[in-house]
C-alpha cells in the first residue's frame, strides 16, 4: 500500500521540470517582443515616408510635364509654279431685255409663251387701239384739208405774181398772197408729220421680237389694258433673253489682277454637270478696283449652243495665274489655322530649340483653308497648328511628333 502511494509521488516530481519550460519561453518572448515591435513600427514608418517621397517626386515630374505645352506642327510647302484660282459667278444672257408696248389699248392676242424660242422680227402679240385708229383717220382728213388750202393759195399766189408784171395789182397784195402760200405749205407739212406719228403708233399695235432669243416671261393676257406709260407706270409684256452666248461676271481679288488678261481662257464648271468643263474667254474688265470689296469686275463670255447652260446658273470660274509670280518668287503655303492675329500684326508660332517664337509674316493670296506666305518663313520651319491665344515668345513647348506633317 505504501509502495503504491510512493510511485505516483515520484512520477509527479519527475514531470515538474517539463512544465516549467513553456513558462520560460513566454518570459523570453515577453522580453524580446517590445524590441521587435519597435523595429516593425520603424520599418512601417520608413516605408511610408519613402512611398510618400516617391509619390511627391512623381507628382512633381507629372506637374512639370503638364506645364510644358504640347503642340502640333506643320512645315510650310512651296507654292506651285502655276496656280489656279476658283471664283464663284453666275450666268447672264448676252442680251436681256423687257418688252413694253409703245401704244395704249387692249391686248388682242399673244402668239408666244415662256420658253418659246423666237427669231428677230417674229410677231409676239397684237394690241387693239381704237382711239389711235380714230385719231389717224381724223389726222388724214385734216391733211387733205390742208393740202386743198395749199393748192388754192398756190394758184392765188401765181395769179397775183402774173398781174404784178402788168402793174394790175400792188406789190403789197402780191407779197401777202405769197406769204399765205408759204403758211399753207407749212401747215401741210405739220399735218403730214402728225399723220406719220399716228401711223407709227398704229404700227406699234403689233409687238415684234427685237432679237433672236428665248421668251423668259409673259406678263399679260388677252383683254388686258395696255398702258404705254402715259399717265401711269408702263407694263412689261414679255421678257426676252439671248442665250446663244452667255456672260459671267467674276469679282477678281486685287491680289490676283494678273489673271485678268483679255483673251485668256477660263474653265467653267457647274454642279449640274459633274465632271464636265466648259471653256470661256475673258473679254473685258471694269479697269477699276471696287473700293468696298477691293475686287475687279471681270467678264467671261461662253458660247452656249443648244441652251445647255441656263441663265442665272451658279458656276465656278477657274482662272490660271501666269508662271513666275513677280511679287512672291519663293512663297510658301501654310494652313489658315496657324495664324495669330495680334495687335502688332499677323504672326505665326514657330518651334525653335524647344521654345515657341512668334514670327511676323506677310501673306499673299488667301485660298480659304490655306494662305500664301511671301515673307517671314523658311521651308524648314515648324509652324504651330491651332496656337493658343496666350502663346508668347519663349514659351517651352513639346512637339507632338505623331502629328508633325505638312498641310493637306
Protein backbone atom coordinates (compact mmCIF):
# COMPACT_ATOMS: atom_id res chain seq x y z
CA UNK A 1 0.00 0.00 0.00
CA UNK A 2 2.74 2.46 0.88
CA UNK A 3 4.72 1.34 -2.07
CA UNK A 4 1.82 2.16 -4.42
CA UNK A 5 1.44 5.57 -2.95
CA UNK A 6 5.09 6.42 -3.24
CA UNK A 7 5.23 5.79 -7.04
CA UNK A 8 2.79 8.43 -8.03
CA UNK A 9 4.56 10.95 -5.99
CA UNK A 10 7.82 10.09 -7.66
CA UNK A 11 6.22 10.40 -11.06
CA UNK A 12 4.82 13.77 -10.18
CA UNK A 13 8.13 15.08 -9.02
CA UNK A 14 9.80 13.87 -12.20
CA UNK A 15 7.42 15.80 -14.58
CA UNK A 16 7.72 19.21 -12.89
CA UNK A 17 10.76 20.47 -14.91
CA UNK A 18 8.94 19.80 -18.24
CA UNK A 19 6.06 22.08 -17.27
CA UNK A 20 8.43 24.86 -16.35
CA UNK A 21 9.97 25.10 -19.92
CA UNK A 22 7.00 26.90 -21.70
CA UNK A 23 6.88 29.40 -18.96
CA UNK A 24 10.49 30.26 -19.65
CA UNK A 25 9.90 30.71 -23.38
CA UNK A 26 6.97 33.02 -22.70
CA UNK A 27 9.15 35.03 -20.45
CA UNK A 28 11.84 35.32 -23.10
CA UNK A 29 9.18 36.33 -25.71
CA UNK A 30 7.85 39.00 -23.46
CA UNK A 31 11.37 40.31 -23.10
CA UNK A 32 12.04 40.21 -26.91
CA UNK A 33 8.55 41.42 -28.15
CA UNK A 34 8.94 45.12 -27.31
CA UNK A 35 12.13 45.38 -29.38
CA UNK A 36 10.57 43.60 -32.41
CA UNK A 37 7.50 45.78 -32.25
CA UNK A 38 9.62 48.89 -32.24
CA UNK A 39 11.64 47.58 -35.18
CA UNK A 40 8.47 46.70 -37.10
CA UNK A 41 6.94 50.07 -36.38
CA UNK A 42 10.11 51.78 -37.53
CA UNK A 43 10.09 49.72 -40.74
CA UNK A 44 6.46 50.67 -41.43
CA UNK A 45 7.20 54.35 -40.81
CA UNK A 46 10.25 54.29 -43.07
CA UNK A 47 8.31 52.54 -45.83
CA UNK A 48 5.51 55.10 -45.61
CA UNK A 49 7.91 58.01 -45.71
CA UNK A 50 9.67 56.50 -48.72
CA UNK A 51 6.41 55.90 -50.60
CA UNK A 52 5.24 59.41 -49.85
CA UNK A 53 8.51 60.91 -51.03
CA UNK A 54 8.35 58.78 -54.18
CA UNK A 55 4.76 59.91 -54.84
CA UNK A 56 5.77 63.54 -54.37
CA UNK A 57 8.62 63.15 -56.84
CA UNK A 58 6.27 61.51 -59.37
CA UNK A 59 3.73 64.31 -58.88
CA UNK A 60 6.43 66.91 -59.38
CA UNK A 61 7.57 65.23 -62.60
CA UNK A 62 3.96 64.94 -63.84
CA UNK A 63 3.28 68.58 -62.95
CA UNK A 64 6.41 69.68 -64.72
CA UNK A 65 5.46 67.69 -67.80
CA UNK A 66 1.90 69.05 -67.74
CA UNK A 67 3.25 72.58 -67.53
CA UNK A 68 5.03 72.10 -70.88
CA UNK A 69 2.61 72.83 -73.74
CA UNK A 70 2.27 70.04 -76.31
CA UNK A 71 1.81 71.39 -79.81
CA UNK A 72 1.17 70.04 -83.30
CA UNK A 73 3.32 71.46 -86.05
CA UNK A 74 3.41 71.59 -89.84
CA UNK A 75 6.13 72.54 -92.25
CA UNK A 76 5.42 75.11 -95.00
CA UNK A 77 5.23 73.76 -98.53
CA UNK A 78 6.43 75.63 -101.61
CA UNK A 79 3.85 77.23 -103.88
CA UNK A 80 3.40 75.67 -107.30
CA UNK A 81 4.80 77.47 -110.34
CA UNK A 82 1.37 77.99 -111.95
CA UNK A 83 -1.71 78.18 -109.83
CA UNK A 84 -5.43 78.14 -110.40
CA UNK A 85 -7.94 80.20 -108.51
CA UNK A 86 -11.60 79.26 -108.40
CA UNK A 87 -14.16 82.03 -108.05
CA UNK A 88 -17.97 81.91 -107.93
CA UNK A 89 -20.15 83.57 -110.53
CA UNK A 90 -23.49 83.30 -112.26
CA UNK A 91 -24.50 83.31 -115.90
CA UNK A 92 -26.33 86.16 -117.58
CA UNK A 93 -27.86 86.33 -121.03
CA UNK A 94 -25.75 88.18 -123.56
CA UNK A 95 -28.81 90.32 -124.30
CA UNK A 96 -31.61 90.52 -121.76
CA UNK A 97 -34.45 92.98 -122.16
CA UNK A 98 -38.05 93.62 -121.16
CA UNK A 99 -40.52 94.32 -123.97
CA UNK A 100 -43.05 97.11 -123.46
CA UNK A 101 -45.90 98.40 -125.57
CA UNK A 102 -45.47 101.74 -127.35
CA UNK A 103 -49.19 102.42 -127.67
CA UNK A 104 -52.25 102.27 -125.40
CA UNK A 105 -55.07 99.81 -125.92
CA UNK A 106 -56.17 96.28 -125.12
CA UNK A 107 -54.27 93.08 -125.85
CA UNK A 108 -55.93 91.44 -128.80
CA UNK A 109 -53.90 88.21 -128.83
CA UNK A 110 -50.47 86.81 -127.99
CA UNK A 111 -48.54 84.22 -130.01
CA UNK A 112 -45.69 83.05 -127.78
CA UNK A 113 -45.33 81.89 -124.19
CA UNK A 114 -42.46 81.30 -121.78
CA UNK A 115 -39.71 79.04 -123.09
CA UNK A 116 -40.51 79.75 -126.73
CA UNK A 117 -37.51 80.36 -128.99
CA UNK A 118 -38.24 83.26 -131.34
CA UNK A 119 -36.41 84.84 -134.24
CA UNK A 120 -35.66 88.50 -134.70
CA UNK A 121 -38.74 90.29 -136.11
CA UNK A 122 -41.17 87.50 -135.18
CA UNK A 123 -44.67 88.67 -134.17
CA UNK A 124 -45.24 88.27 -130.44
CA UNK A 125 -48.61 89.96 -129.80
CA UNK A 126 -51.24 92.34 -131.22
CA UNK A 127 -52.86 95.28 -129.44
CA UNK A 128 -56.30 96.70 -130.28
CA UNK A 129 -56.07 100.54 -130.36
CA UNK A 130 -59.41 102.02 -131.46
CA UNK A 131 -58.52 105.51 -130.23
CA UNK A 132 -55.34 105.61 -132.28
CA UNK A 133 -57.23 104.39 -135.33
CA UNK A 134 -59.77 107.20 -134.98
CA UNK A 135 -57.08 109.82 -134.41
CA UNK A 136 -55.26 108.64 -137.51
CA UNK A 137 -58.41 108.88 -139.62
CA UNK A 138 -59.03 112.42 -138.35
CA UNK A 139 -55.44 113.42 -138.98
CA UNK A 140 -55.56 112.16 -142.56
CA UNK A 141 -58.73 114.20 -143.17
CA UNK A 142 -57.07 117.31 -141.74
CA UNK A 143 -54.11 116.67 -144.04
CA UNK A 144 -56.36 116.59 -147.06
CA UNK A 145 -57.96 119.89 -145.99
CA UNK A 146 -54.56 121.48 -145.58
CA UNK A 147 -53.43 120.22 -148.98
CA UNK A 148 -56.55 121.71 -150.61
CA UNK A 149 -55.92 125.07 -148.95
CA UNK A 150 -52.32 124.89 -150.13
CA UNK A 151 -53.35 124.32 -153.72
CA UNK A 152 -55.73 127.31 -153.58
CA UNK A 153 -53.04 129.51 -152.05
CA UNK A 154 -50.57 128.39 -154.72
CA UNK A 155 -52.99 129.33 -157.54
CA UNK A 156 -53.73 132.69 -155.90
CA UNK A 157 -50.04 133.49 -155.44
CA UNK A 158 -49.24 132.62 -159.05
CA UNK A 159 -52.16 134.80 -160.32
CA UNK A 160 -51.04 137.80 -158.27
CA UNK A 161 -47.47 137.45 -159.47
CA UNK A 162 -48.64 137.49 -163.13
CA UNK A 163 -50.80 140.56 -162.50
CA UNK A 164 -47.87 142.29 -160.85
CA UNK A 165 -45.93 142.19 -164.10
CA UNK A 166 -48.58 144.43 -165.73
CA UNK A 167 -48.90 146.56 -162.60
CA UNK A 168 -52.52 145.47 -162.26
CA UNK A 169 -52.06 144.79 -158.53
CA UNK A 170 -49.83 146.24 -155.89
CA UNK A 171 -46.68 144.55 -154.65
CA UNK A 172 -48.13 144.52 -151.12
CA UNK A 173 -51.07 142.39 -152.22
CA UNK A 174 -48.72 140.06 -154.14
CA UNK A 175 -46.46 139.60 -151.11
CA UNK A 176 -49.49 138.77 -148.97
CA UNK A 177 -50.56 136.05 -151.43
CA UNK A 178 -47.05 134.54 -151.50
CA UNK A 179 -46.82 134.56 -147.67
CA UNK A 180 -50.23 132.89 -147.41
CA UNK A 181 -48.94 130.13 -149.75
CA UNK A 182 -45.90 129.54 -147.55
CA UNK A 183 -48.06 129.31 -144.43
CA UNK A 184 -50.36 126.81 -146.14
CA UNK A 185 -47.35 124.70 -147.14
CA UNK A 186 -46.02 124.68 -143.56
CA UNK A 187 -49.47 123.64 -142.32
CA UNK A 188 -49.47 120.74 -144.80
CA UNK A 189 -46.05 119.64 -143.54
CA UNK A 190 -47.32 119.74 -139.94
CA UNK A 191 -50.41 117.71 -140.78
CA UNK A 192 -48.29 115.17 -142.68
CA UNK A 193 -45.94 114.79 -139.68
CA UNK A 194 -48.93 114.19 -137.40
CA UNK A 195 -50.21 111.52 -139.77
CA UNK A 196 -46.79 109.83 -139.76
CA UNK A 197 -46.71 109.94 -135.96
CA UNK A 198 -50.10 108.28 -135.65
CA UNK A 199 -49.16 105.74 -138.29
CA UNK A 200 -46.11 104.85 -136.20
CA UNK A 201 -48.29 104.49 -133.11
CA UNK A 202 -50.65 102.31 -135.07
CA UNK A 203 -47.74 100.14 -136.21
CA UNK A 204 -46.96 99.51 -132.54
CA UNK A 205 -50.19 97.56 -132.37
CA UNK A 206 -48.00 94.65 -133.43
CA UNK A 207 -45.21 93.69 -131.00
CA UNK A 208 -42.14 92.09 -132.61
CA UNK A 209 -39.09 90.33 -131.19
CA UNK A 210 -36.08 92.70 -131.15
CA UNK A 211 -33.54 89.85 -131.46
CA UNK A 212 -33.29 86.07 -131.60
CA UNK A 213 -33.70 84.52 -128.19
CA UNK A 214 -35.99 82.89 -125.66
CA UNK A 215 -39.13 84.26 -124.01
CA UNK A 216 -38.43 84.04 -120.29
CA UNK A 217 -41.61 85.75 -119.05
CA UNK A 218 -45.11 86.69 -120.29
CA UNK A 219 -46.84 89.26 -118.10
CA UNK A 220 -50.07 89.92 -119.97
CA UNK A 221 -53.10 88.13 -121.35
CA UNK A 222 -55.92 88.68 -123.83
CA UNK A 223 -58.12 91.64 -122.90
CA UNK A 224 -55.58 93.21 -120.56
CA UNK A 225 -55.40 97.01 -120.58
CA UNK A 226 -52.10 98.07 -122.12
CA UNK A 227 -50.53 101.24 -120.77
CA UNK A 228 -47.59 102.65 -122.71
CA UNK A 229 -46.65 104.93 -119.84
CA UNK A 230 -48.96 107.88 -120.46
CA UNK A 231 -50.35 108.82 -117.06
CA UNK A 232 -49.09 105.67 -115.30
CA UNK A 233 -46.39 103.05 -114.97
CA UNK A 234 -45.75 101.12 -118.19
CA UNK A 235 -46.44 97.40 -118.09
CA UNK A 236 -43.88 94.84 -119.24
CA UNK A 237 -45.47 92.48 -121.79
CA UNK A 238 -42.67 89.98 -122.32
CA UNK A 239 -39.11 89.39 -121.19
CA UNK A 240 -36.56 88.07 -123.67
CA UNK A 241 -33.03 86.74 -123.34
CA UNK A 242 -30.44 85.88 -125.97
CA UNK A 243 -28.94 82.62 -124.70
CA UNK A 244 -26.69 81.50 -127.55
CA UNK A 245 -23.86 83.29 -125.75
CA UNK A 246 -23.68 83.94 -122.02
CA UNK A 247 -21.81 86.39 -119.84
CA UNK A 248 -20.30 85.52 -116.47
CA UNK A 249 -19.17 88.36 -114.21
CA UNK A 250 -16.46 87.47 -111.66
CA UNK A 251 -15.20 89.57 -108.75
CA UNK A 252 -11.44 89.05 -109.02
CA UNK A 253 -9.43 89.88 -105.84
CA UNK A 254 -6.98 92.70 -106.19
CA UNK A 255 -4.02 90.44 -105.40
CA UNK A 256 -4.84 88.26 -108.43
CA UNK A 257 -5.24 91.00 -111.03
CA UNK A 258 -2.66 89.37 -113.29
CA UNK A 259 -5.22 86.64 -114.06
CA UNK A 260 -7.49 89.19 -115.81
CA UNK A 261 -5.77 89.05 -119.18
CA UNK A 262 -8.12 89.82 -122.07
CA UNK A 263 -8.26 86.86 -124.44
CA UNK A 264 -7.16 84.33 -121.82
CA UNK A 265 -9.15 81.13 -121.49
CA UNK A 266 -11.20 80.34 -118.40
CA UNK A 267 -12.72 76.99 -117.46
CA UNK A 268 -16.24 76.88 -116.05
CA UNK A 269 -17.78 74.06 -114.02
CA UNK A 270 -21.34 73.59 -112.79
CA UNK A 271 -22.77 71.29 -110.15
CA UNK A 272 -25.45 70.06 -112.57
CA UNK A 273 -22.75 68.84 -114.98
CA UNK A 274 -20.34 66.88 -112.76
CA UNK A 275 -17.04 66.07 -114.42
CA UNK A 276 -17.71 68.37 -117.39
CA UNK A 277 -15.82 71.58 -118.13
CA UNK A 278 -16.96 74.45 -120.36
CA UNK A 279 -14.49 76.81 -121.95
CA UNK A 280 -14.95 80.56 -121.76
CA UNK A 281 -12.88 83.59 -122.71
CA UNK A 282 -12.02 86.69 -120.71
CA UNK A 283 -13.22 89.54 -122.94
CA UNK A 284 -13.03 92.65 -120.73
CA UNK A 285 -12.89 94.04 -117.22
CA UNK A 286 -14.04 97.19 -115.48
CA UNK A 287 -10.45 98.54 -115.29
CA UNK A 288 -11.21 99.89 -111.81
CA UNK A 289 -10.97 98.39 -108.32
CA UNK A 290 -14.17 98.41 -106.28
CA UNK A 291 -13.39 100.39 -103.14
CA UNK A 292 -15.75 98.36 -100.94
CA UNK A 293 -14.71 94.83 -101.91
CA UNK A 294 -11.22 95.51 -103.34
CA UNK A 295 -12.07 93.40 -106.39
CA UNK A 296 -12.02 93.85 -110.15
CA UNK A 297 -15.16 93.05 -112.15
CA UNK A 298 -14.18 90.65 -114.96
CA UNK A 299 -16.43 89.46 -117.78
CA UNK A 300 -16.08 85.94 -119.16
CA UNK A 301 -18.07 85.03 -122.29
CA UNK A 302 -19.04 81.47 -123.10
CA UNK A 303 -20.79 80.02 -126.15
CA UNK A 304 -23.96 78.14 -125.26
CA UNK A 305 -25.14 76.10 -128.24
CA UNK A 306 -28.29 74.14 -127.53
CA UNK A 307 -29.07 76.27 -124.48
CA UNK A 308 -27.50 73.70 -122.13
CA UNK A 309 -26.48 76.26 -119.54
CA UNK A 310 -29.41 78.27 -118.23
CA UNK A 311 -29.24 81.96 -117.47
CA UNK A 312 -28.78 82.70 -113.79
CA UNK A 313 -26.97 79.38 -113.19
CA UNK A 314 -24.34 79.32 -110.42
CA UNK A 315 -20.91 78.49 -111.86
CA UNK A 316 -17.31 78.17 -110.72
CA UNK A 317 -14.79 80.05 -112.84
CA UNK A 318 -11.28 78.60 -112.91
CA UNK A 319 -8.65 81.21 -113.74
CA UNK A 320 -4.97 80.48 -114.30
CA UNK A 321 -2.30 82.68 -112.79
CA UNK A 322 0.73 83.22 -115.04
CA UNK A 323 4.00 81.42 -114.28
CA UNK A 324 6.73 83.27 -112.42
CA UNK A 325 4.97 85.15 -109.68
CA UNK A 326 6.71 88.52 -109.74
CA UNK A 327 5.85 89.51 -106.17
CA UNK A 328 6.37 86.16 -104.44
CA UNK A 329 9.02 84.04 -106.20
CA UNK A 330 9.72 81.92 -103.10
CA UNK A 331 6.37 81.96 -101.36
CA UNK A 332 5.21 79.15 -99.09
CA UNK A 333 1.82 77.66 -98.23
CA UNK A 334 0.63 77.12 -94.64
CA UNK A 335 -2.78 76.20 -93.18
CA UNK A 336 -5.04 79.08 -92.22
CA UNK A 337 -5.42 77.68 -88.68
CA UNK A 338 -1.78 78.55 -87.90
CA UNK A 339 -2.36 82.31 -87.98
CA UNK A 340 -2.35 84.50 -84.90
CA UNK A 341 -3.98 87.92 -85.15
CA UNK A 342 -2.25 90.22 -82.71
CA UNK A 343 -2.44 93.97 -82.19
CA UNK A 344 1.10 94.34 -83.52
CA UNK A 345 0.23 92.44 -86.70
CA UNK A 346 -0.14 88.97 -88.17
CA UNK A 347 2.02 86.28 -86.50
CA UNK A 348 2.65 82.54 -86.54
CA UNK A 349 4.18 80.40 -83.81
CA UNK A 350 7.39 78.59 -84.79
CA UNK A 351 9.13 75.93 -82.66
CA UNK A 352 12.86 76.60 -82.32
CA UNK A 353 15.08 74.87 -79.72
CA UNK A 354 12.01 73.53 -77.89
CA UNK A 355 10.70 77.07 -77.42
CA UNK A 356 7.92 78.91 -79.21
CA UNK A 357 8.75 82.04 -81.16
CA UNK A 358 6.16 84.40 -82.62
CA UNK A 359 7.27 85.32 -86.13
CA UNK A 360 5.74 88.20 -88.16
CA UNK A 361 4.71 87.16 -91.67
CA UNK A 362 3.37 88.74 -94.83
CA UNK A 363 0.64 86.86 -96.67
CA UNK A 364 -0.15 86.98 -100.37
CA UNK A 365 -3.24 85.15 -101.58
CA UNK A 366 -5.86 83.64 -99.33
CA UNK A 367 -7.06 80.24 -100.55
CA UNK A 368 -9.54 79.69 -97.75
CA UNK A 369 -8.12 76.68 -95.88
CA UNK A 370 -4.55 77.72 -96.70
CA UNK A 371 -2.72 81.01 -97.21
CA UNK A 372 0.33 82.04 -99.16
CA UNK A 373 3.21 83.47 -97.11
CA UNK A 374 5.52 85.73 -99.10
CA UNK A 375 7.85 86.76 -96.27
CA UNK A 376 8.76 85.67 -92.75
CA UNK A 377 9.08 81.86 -93.02
CA UNK A 378 11.54 79.28 -94.31
CA UNK A 379 10.77 75.84 -95.69
CA UNK A 380 12.24 74.02 -92.67
CA UNK A 381 10.31 75.95 -90.03
CA UNK A 382 7.97 74.02 -87.76
CA UNK A 383 4.79 76.09 -87.55
CA UNK A 384 2.38 75.52 -84.65
CA UNK A 385 -1.15 74.46 -85.62
CA UNK A 386 -4.07 75.98 -83.69
CA UNK A 387 -1.84 78.04 -81.40
CA UNK A 388 -3.23 79.23 -78.09
CA UNK A 389 -4.09 82.89 -77.75
CA UNK A 390 -1.83 83.00 -74.69
CA UNK A 391 1.21 81.77 -76.63
CA UNK A 392 4.22 84.06 -76.26
CA UNK A 393 7.79 84.05 -77.46
CA UNK A 394 9.99 81.92 -75.17
CA UNK A 395 7.25 79.52 -74.04
CA UNK A 396 8.62 75.98 -73.57
CA UNK A 397 6.75 73.58 -75.84
CA UNK A 398 6.86 69.91 -76.73
CA UNK A 399 6.16 68.81 -80.29
CA UNK A 400 3.66 66.04 -80.89
CA UNK A 401 5.79 64.05 -83.32
CA UNK A 402 2.89 61.85 -84.42
CA UNK A 403 1.10 64.85 -85.97
CA UNK A 404 4.09 66.79 -87.32
CA UNK A 405 3.25 66.82 -91.01
CA UNK A 406 2.74 69.25 -93.85
CA UNK A 407 -0.58 70.96 -94.76
CA UNK A 408 -3.07 68.79 -96.55
